[in-house]
Amino acid sequence: MQTEESWAQQFPELFAAADWPWAQVDVRYTVDRPDDELLSNVHVIGRTPEGILACSNDLGWRFLPGGTREAGETIEELVRRELVEEAGARLLGPLTWLGGHRADHRRPTPYRPHLPHPLSYWATVVADVVLEGPPTNPEDGEQVVEVLVLPPTEAAAYLDAKDDGGHNMGSQVRLAQAMGLV
């Protein structure tokens, strides 16, 4: 079994310390799973028989479906909601932990009152999904304009072409491939 250090050597860009000024956080990727109460955001590498889900929105960002946790929401409820909202997809199986960005917040208060602060994690999980229709695109969420199912290598390249703020989602797909999860 590989260690975090060996994954970091294989994926240095993903594991490098970074500043996300748009969120006012300093981040570092880890494969270690924190307690669920520290997870504020989750993205999903949604597996289908044809490939994995990749989305784009009206701003041109490309991303894996996912988002911010609502008050009282479990991780599975968050994943189920975000899959419907951003991809028109339904969760079929259990969530498998991939990793997450440890976020050390510089702002004095949490983004939303119920979210962990000053430390939280922006996680990525892998799960089997099925597309059932178009994204629901709630008014207060991202407006998804395209949902693609691509082979993992193509999905990683697609996500790399227009990353949404430094999440390195293409690198996360490649990490999932290296771990044998996709």
Protein backbone atom coordinates (compact mmCIF):
# COMPACT_ATOMS: atom_id res chain seq x y z
CA MET A 1 0.00 0.00 0.00
CA GLN A 2 1.35 3.39 -0.97
CA THR A 3 1.86 6.15 1.57
CA GLU A 4 0.76 9.74 1.28
CA GLU A 5 4.40 10.67 0.66
CA SER A 6 4.63 8.31 -2.31
CA TRP A 7 1.37 9.66 -3.77
CA ALA A 8 2.72 13.20 -3.29
CA GLN A 9 5.86 12.26 -5.25
CA GLN A 10 3.69 10.87 -8.05
CA PHE A 11 1.28 13.86 -8.05
CA PRO A 12 3.31 16.86 -6.83
CA GLU A 13 0.96 19.51 -8.22
CA LEU A 14 -2.03 17.99 -6.43
CA PHE A 15 -0.26 17.61 -3.08
CA ALA A 16 1.55 20.98 -3.12
CA ALA A 17 0.48 23.62 -0.61
CA ALA A 18 -1.67 26.27 -2.27
CA ASP A 19 -3.53 29.48 -1.59
CA TRP A 20 -7.13 29.76 -2.80
CA PRO A 21 -7.63 33.54 -2.49
CA TRP A 22 -11.24 33.32 -3.76
CA ALA A 23 -12.09 31.20 -0.66
CA GLN A 24 -9.55 32.81 1.69
CA VAL A 25 -8.01 29.44 2.55
CA ASP A 26 -4.61 27.78 2.50
CA VAL A 27 -4.93 24.22 1.28
CA ARG A 28 -2.93 21.01 1.13
CA TYR A 29 -4.23 17.75 -0.37
CA THR A 30 -4.26 14.60 1.72
CA VAL A 31 -5.45 11.03 1.29
CA ASP A 32 -6.01 10.74 5.05
CA ARG A 33 -9.71 10.83 5.89
CA PRO A 34 -10.78 13.29 8.59
CA ASP A 35 -13.87 12.94 10.77
CA ASP A 36 -17.06 13.59 8.76
CA GLU A 37 -17.92 16.69 10.81
CA LEU A 38 -14.86 18.42 9.28
CA LEU A 39 -16.10 17.89 5.69
CA SER A 40 -17.60 21.08 4.30
CA ASN A 41 -17.54 20.27 0.59
CA VAL A 42 -17.57 17.05 -1.42
CA HIS A 43 -17.02 16.33 -5.12
CA VAL A 44 -17.75 12.99 -6.77
CA ILE A 45 -15.86 11.00 -9.34
CA GLY A 46 -19.05 9.44 -10.67
CA ARG A 47 -18.37 6.10 -12.36
CA THR A 48 -20.63 4.75 -15.09
CA PRO A 49 -20.00 1.76 -17.39
CA GLU A 50 -19.03 4.25 -20.13
CA GLY A 51 -16.70 6.47 -18.06
CA ILE A 52 -16.89 9.20 -15.44
CA LEU A 53 -18.97 12.35 -15.14
CA ALA A 54 -17.51 15.75 -15.92
CA CYS A 55 -19.51 18.99 -15.92
CA SER A 56 -19.18 22.55 -17.15
CA ASN A 57 -21.12 25.63 -16.13
CA ASP A 58 -22.21 28.90 -17.73
CA LEU A 59 -18.94 30.53 -16.56
CA GLY A 60 -16.85 28.00 -18.48
CA TRP A 61 -15.54 26.11 -15.42
CA ARG A 62 -15.12 22.36 -15.69
CA PHE A 63 -15.58 20.24 -12.59
CA LEU A 64 -16.70 17.03 -10.96
CA PRO A 65 -20.23 17.28 -9.55
CA GLY A 66 -20.31 18.34 -5.93
CA GLY A 67 -20.66 21.26 -3.61
CA THR A 68 -21.13 22.67 -0.14
CA ARG A 69 -22.76 20.82 2.72
CA GLU A 70 -26.11 22.10 4.00
CA ALA A 71 -26.94 22.32 7.72
CA GLY A 72 -27.70 18.87 9.17
CA GLU A 73 -26.83 17.09 5.92
CA THR A 74 -24.90 13.80 5.96
CA ILE A 75 -22.12 13.25 3.46
CA GLU A 76 -24.25 10.77 1.51
CA GLU A 77 -27.18 13.23 1.44
CA LEU A 78 -24.83 15.94 0.16
CA VAL A 79 -23.53 13.67 -2.59
CA ARG A 80 -27.04 12.56 -3.62
CA ARG A 81 -28.28 16.18 -3.76
CA GLU A 82 -25.31 17.51 -5.71
CA LEU A 83 -25.40 14.66 -8.23
CA VAL A 84 -29.02 15.53 -9.08
CA GLU A 85 -28.44 19.30 -9.10
CA GLU A 86 -25.24 19.33 -11.16
CA ALA A 87 -25.39 16.16 -13.27
CA GLY A 88 -28.92 14.76 -13.28
CA ALA A 89 -27.42 11.59 -11.81
CA ARG A 90 -28.37 9.12 -9.08
CA LEU A 91 -26.00 7.47 -6.63
CA LEU A 92 -25.95 3.66 -7.03
CA GLY A 93 -23.47 2.48 -4.45
CA PRO A 94 -21.28 3.34 -1.50
CA LEU A 95 -18.90 6.28 -1.37
CA THR A 96 -15.19 5.45 -1.54
CA TRP A 97 -12.84 8.04 -0.05
CA LEU A 98 -10.18 9.35 -2.47
CA GLY A 99 -8.77 12.38 -0.64
CA GLY A 100 -9.39 16.01 0.12
CA HIS A 101 -7.97 19.47 0.43
CA ARG A 102 -7.34 20.39 4.06
CA ALA A 103 -8.51 24.01 4.18
CA ASP A 104 -7.13 26.36 6.82
CA HIS A 105 -9.44 29.38 6.72
CA ARG A 106 -8.07 32.91 6.98
CA ARG A 107 -11.46 34.59 7.31
CA PRO A 108 -12.57 35.19 10.91
CA THR A 109 -15.95 33.44 10.55
CA PRO A 110 -17.15 30.40 8.58
CA TYR A 111 -18.49 30.76 5.03
CA ARG A 112 -21.85 29.58 6.42
CA PRO A 113 -22.60 29.34 10.16
CA HIS A 114 -22.99 25.54 10.17
CA LEU A 115 -19.69 24.80 8.40
CA PRO A 116 -16.52 23.76 10.24
CA HIS A 117 -14.08 26.59 10.97
CA PRO A 118 -11.17 27.44 11.00
CA LEU A 119 -10.32 23.96 9.66
CA SER A 120 -12.38 22.08 7.09
CA TYR A 121 -11.90 19.58 4.27
CA TRP A 122 -13.01 19.76 0.64
CA ALA A 123 -13.27 16.06 -0.13
CA THR A 124 -13.45 13.90 -3.23
CA VAL A 125 -15.13 10.50 -3.25
CA VAL A 126 -15.60 7.86 -5.92
CA ALA A 127 -18.99 6.22 -6.48
CA ASP A 128 -21.06 4.38 -9.06
CA VAL A 129 -23.80 6.55 -10.57
CA VAL A 130 -26.39 6.52 -13.35
CA LEU A 131 -27.49 9.49 -15.43
CA GLU A 132 -31.25 9.93 -15.24
CA GLY A 133 -31.94 13.34 -16.77
CA PRO A 134 -30.67 16.88 -17.02
CA PRO A 135 -29.20 18.72 -14.02
CA THR A 136 -31.87 20.42 -11.91
CA ASN A 137 -29.77 23.63 -11.70
CA PRO A 138 -31.35 25.30 -8.65
CA GLU A 139 -31.34 29.09 -8.84
CA ASP A 140 -28.87 29.48 -5.96
CA GLY A 141 -26.38 26.96 -7.45
CA GLU A 142 -24.04 26.66 -10.37
CA GLN A 143 -25.77 26.67 -13.73
CA VAL A 144 -24.50 23.51 -15.39
CA VAL A 145 -24.66 23.65 -19.17
CA GLU A 146 -22.98 20.35 -20.05
CA VAL A 147 -22.62 16.92 -18.48
CA LEU A 148 -20.26 14.52 -20.20
CA VAL A 149 -19.36 10.89 -19.59
CA LEU A 150 -15.74 10.40 -20.60
CA PRO A 151 -13.10 7.71 -20.21
CA PRO A 152 -10.98 8.62 -17.16
CA THR A 153 -7.94 9.82 -19.14
CA GLU A 154 -10.12 12.05 -21.33
CA ALA A 155 -12.05 13.31 -18.29
CA ALA A 156 -8.79 14.30 -16.58
CA ALA A 157 -7.65 16.22 -19.67
CA TYR A 158 -11.08 17.87 -20.01
CA LEU A 159 -11.01 18.97 -16.35
CA ASP A 160 -7.42 20.24 -16.65
CA ALA A 161 -8.39 22.50 -19.57
CA LYS A 162 -10.48 24.81 -17.36
CA ASP A 163 -10.02 24.15 -13.65
CA ASP A 164 -12.46 25.89 -11.29
CA GLY A 165 -10.16 27.65 -8.88
CA GLY A 166 -7.28 25.29 -8.25
CA HIS A 167 -9.03 22.07 -7.19
CA ASN A 168 -6.81 20.04 -9.56
CA MET A 169 -9.75 17.80 -10.42
CA GLY A 170 -7.93 16.32 -13.42
CA SER A 171 -5.10 15.27 -11.09
CA GLN A 172 -7.65 13.79 -8.70
CA VAL A 173 -9.05 11.64 -11.51
CA ARG A 174 -5.50 10.49 -12.33
CA LEU A 175 -4.93 9.70 -8.63
CA ALA A 176 -8.15 7.64 -8.61
CA GLN A 177 -6.84 5.79 -11.67
CA ALA A 178 -3.49 5.12 -9.98
CA MET A 179 -5.32 3.82 -6.90
CA GLY A 180 -7.40 1.47 -9.08
CA LEU A 181 -10.69 3.21 -8.21
CA VAL A 182 -11.63 4.09 -11.82
